[in-house]
Amino acid sequence: MSTQLESRHFLKSGDAVQHVRGHAGVVVESFALYAVVRWEDGRQEEVDQLDPAVFVTERAAKE
């Protein structure tokens, strides 16, 4: 049985993320083409899935 690794650039709800510029956030909603991230300064932003500038630092717990 092989294991497929998840991309650090595909964002799921609840994931902790970081932008290459250094600011951190949490994914509040995740869709096929984009995700909504709430950054540590309180603003929310739509981010394209697989955007190389945003990556997962910690995956949300699986339910």
N, C-alpha and C. Protein backbone atom coordinates (compact mmCIF):
# COMPACT_ATOMS: atom_id res chain seq x y z
N MET A 1 0.84 -1.17 0.00
CA MET A 1 0.00 0.00 0.00
C MET A 1 0.89 1.24 0.00
N SER A 2 0.61 2.17 -0.90
CA SER A 2 1.39 3.40 -0.94
C SER A 2 0.63 4.54 -0.27
N THR A 3 1.37 5.51 0.18
CA THR A 3 0.78 6.66 0.84
C THR A 3 1.02 7.89 -0.01
N GLN A 4 -0.03 8.66 -0.25
CA GLN A 4 0.11 9.88 -1.02
C GLN A 4 0.26 11.04 -0.05
N LEU A 5 1.27 11.86 -0.25
CA LEU A 5 1.49 13.03 0.59
C LEU A 5 0.60 14.17 0.14
N GLU A 6 0.10 14.94 1.11
CA GLU A 6 -0.72 16.09 0.78
C GLU A 6 0.17 17.27 0.43
N SER A 7 -0.27 18.08 -0.51
CA SER A 7 0.47 19.27 -0.87
C SER A 7 0.39 20.31 0.25
N ARG A 8 1.51 20.94 0.56
CA ARG A 8 1.52 22.02 1.54
C ARG A 8 0.86 23.27 1.00
N HIS A 9 0.49 23.25 -0.29
CA HIS A 9 -0.12 24.41 -0.91
C HIS A 9 -1.60 24.22 -1.20
N PHE A 10 -2.18 23.06 -0.80
CA PHE A 10 -3.63 22.88 -0.92
C PHE A 10 -4.22 23.11 0.46
N LEU A 11 -5.04 24.14 0.59
CA LEU A 11 -5.52 24.59 1.89
C LEU A 11 -6.87 23.98 2.24
N LYS A 12 -6.98 23.52 3.49
CA LYS A 12 -8.21 22.93 4.00
C LYS A 12 -8.69 23.73 5.21
N SER A 13 -10.00 23.73 5.46
CA SER A 13 -10.55 24.47 6.59
C SER A 13 -9.87 24.06 7.89
N GLY A 14 -9.49 25.06 8.67
CA GLY A 14 -8.85 24.81 9.96
C GLY A 14 -7.33 24.74 9.91
N ASP A 15 -6.75 24.66 8.72
CA ASP A 15 -5.29 24.61 8.60
C ASP A 15 -4.66 25.93 9.06
N ALA A 16 -3.53 25.84 9.72
CA ALA A 16 -2.71 27.01 10.02
C ALA A 16 -1.80 27.23 8.81
N VAL A 17 -1.73 28.47 8.33
CA VAL A 17 -0.96 28.77 7.13
C VAL A 17 -0.02 29.94 7.37
N GLN A 18 0.92 30.09 6.46
CA GLN A 18 1.85 31.20 6.52
C GLN A 18 2.10 31.71 5.10
N HIS A 19 2.24 33.01 4.98
CA HIS A 19 2.58 33.62 3.70
C HIS A 19 4.09 33.76 3.64
N VAL A 20 4.68 33.72 2.46
CA VAL A 20 6.13 33.83 2.34
C VAL A 20 6.66 35.15 2.91
N ARG A 21 5.81 36.15 3.03
CA ARG A 21 6.21 37.44 3.62
C ARG A 21 6.25 37.38 5.14
N GLY A 22 5.78 36.26 5.71
CA GLY A 22 5.91 36.06 7.15
C GLY A 22 4.63 36.06 7.95
N HIS A 23 3.55 36.65 7.46
CA HIS A 23 2.34 36.69 8.28
C HIS A 23 1.63 35.33 8.26
N ALA A 24 0.99 35.03 9.40
CA ALA A 24 0.33 33.74 9.61
C ALA A 24 -1.18 33.92 9.65
N GLY A 25 -1.88 32.80 9.46
CA GLY A 25 -3.33 32.84 9.50
C GLY A 25 -3.92 31.45 9.62
N VAL A 26 -5.26 31.42 9.53
CA VAL A 26 -6.01 30.17 9.61
C VAL A 26 -7.02 30.15 8.47
N VAL A 27 -7.17 28.99 7.85
CA VAL A 27 -8.15 28.83 6.77
C VAL A 27 -9.53 28.71 7.41
N VAL A 28 -10.44 29.63 7.05
CA VAL A 28 -11.79 29.59 7.62
C VAL A 28 -12.78 28.88 6.69
N GLU A 29 -12.51 28.91 5.37
CA GLU A 29 -13.34 28.18 4.41
C GLU A 29 -12.43 27.69 3.30
N SER A 30 -12.75 26.50 2.79
CA SER A 30 -11.92 25.92 1.73
C SER A 30 -12.82 25.40 0.61
N PHE A 31 -12.45 25.74 -0.61
CA PHE A 31 -13.18 25.32 -1.79
C PHE A 31 -12.20 24.73 -2.79
N ALA A 32 -12.69 24.23 -3.90
CA ALA A 32 -11.82 23.58 -4.89
C ALA A 32 -10.80 24.54 -5.50
N LEU A 33 -11.21 25.78 -5.76
CA LEU A 33 -10.32 26.71 -6.46
C LEU A 33 -9.67 27.76 -5.55
N TYR A 34 -10.26 28.02 -4.39
CA TYR A 34 -9.71 29.03 -3.49
C TYR A 34 -10.07 28.71 -2.05
N ALA A 35 -9.43 29.44 -1.14
CA ALA A 35 -9.73 29.31 0.28
C ALA A 35 -9.80 30.72 0.88
N VAL A 36 -10.54 30.86 1.96
CA VAL A 36 -10.61 32.13 2.68
C VAL A 36 -9.73 32.00 3.90
N VAL A 37 -8.76 32.90 4.03
CA VAL A 37 -7.81 32.88 5.13
C VAL A 37 -8.05 34.10 6.02
N ARG A 38 -8.09 33.87 7.34
CA ARG A 38 -8.13 34.98 8.30
C ARG A 38 -6.71 35.16 8.82
N TRP A 39 -6.10 36.28 8.44
CA TRP A 39 -4.72 36.55 8.84
C TRP A 39 -4.68 37.03 10.28
N GLU A 40 -3.52 36.97 10.90
CA GLU A 40 -3.35 37.31 12.32
C GLU A 40 -3.72 38.75 12.63
N ASP A 41 -3.73 39.63 11.63
CA ASP A 41 -4.13 41.02 11.87
C ASP A 41 -5.65 41.22 11.78
N GLY A 42 -6.39 40.12 11.53
CA GLY A 42 -7.85 40.16 11.53
C GLY A 42 -8.49 40.26 10.16
N ARG A 43 -7.73 40.62 9.16
CA ARG A 43 -8.33 40.73 7.83
C ARG A 43 -8.52 39.34 7.21
N GLN A 44 -9.51 39.24 6.31
CA GLN A 44 -9.75 37.98 5.60
C GLN A 44 -9.45 38.19 4.13
N GLU A 45 -8.95 37.14 3.49
CA GLU A 45 -8.54 37.24 2.10
C GLU A 45 -8.82 35.92 1.39
N GLU A 46 -9.30 36.02 0.14
CA GLU A 46 -9.42 34.83 -0.70
C GLU A 46 -8.05 34.54 -1.30
N VAL A 47 -7.62 33.29 -1.18
CA VAL A 47 -6.32 32.86 -1.69
C VAL A 47 -6.55 31.71 -2.65
N ASP A 48 -5.92 31.78 -3.81
CA ASP A 48 -6.04 30.68 -4.77
C ASP A 48 -5.45 29.41 -4.18
N GLN A 49 -6.14 28.28 -4.40
CA GLN A 49 -5.55 27.00 -4.02
C GLN A 49 -4.26 26.83 -4.82
N LEU A 50 -3.29 26.20 -4.23
CA LEU A 50 -1.99 25.93 -4.84
C LEU A 50 -1.16 27.19 -5.11
N ASP A 51 -1.51 28.33 -4.46
CA ASP A 51 -0.70 29.55 -4.55
C ASP A 51 0.63 29.28 -3.85
N PRO A 52 1.76 29.37 -4.54
CA PRO A 52 3.04 29.04 -3.92
C PRO A 52 3.47 30.00 -2.82
N ALA A 53 2.80 31.16 -2.71
CA ALA A 53 3.16 32.14 -1.67
C ALA A 53 2.56 31.81 -0.31
N VAL A 54 1.57 30.91 -0.29
CA VAL A 54 0.89 30.54 0.96
C VAL A 54 1.04 29.04 1.16
N PHE A 55 1.48 28.64 2.35
CA PHE A 55 1.68 27.21 2.59
C PHE A 55 1.20 26.82 3.99
N VAL A 56 0.87 25.55 4.13
CA VAL A 56 0.36 25.01 5.39
C VAL A 56 1.52 24.78 6.36
N THR A 57 1.37 25.29 7.59
CA THR A 57 2.36 25.02 8.63
C THR A 57 1.89 23.93 9.58
N GLU A 58 0.56 23.80 9.70
CA GLU A 58 -0.02 22.75 10.55
C GLU A 58 -1.39 22.38 10.03
N ARG A 59 -1.60 21.10 9.77
CA ARG A 59 -2.89 20.62 9.29
C ARG A 59 -3.91 20.60 10.41
N ALA A 60 -5.16 20.89 10.05
CA ALA A 60 -6.28 20.78 11.00
C ALA A 60 -6.45 19.31 11.39
N ALA A 61 -6.93 19.07 12.59
CA ALA A 61 -7.18 17.71 13.05
C ALA A 61 -8.26 17.07 12.19
N LYS A 62 -8.05 15.82 11.83
CA LYS A 62 -9.05 15.10 11.04
C LYS A 62 -10.18 14.68 11.96
N GLU A 63 -11.40 14.79 11.42
CA GLU A 63 -12.59 14.45 12.22
C GLU A 63 -12.96 13.01 12.06
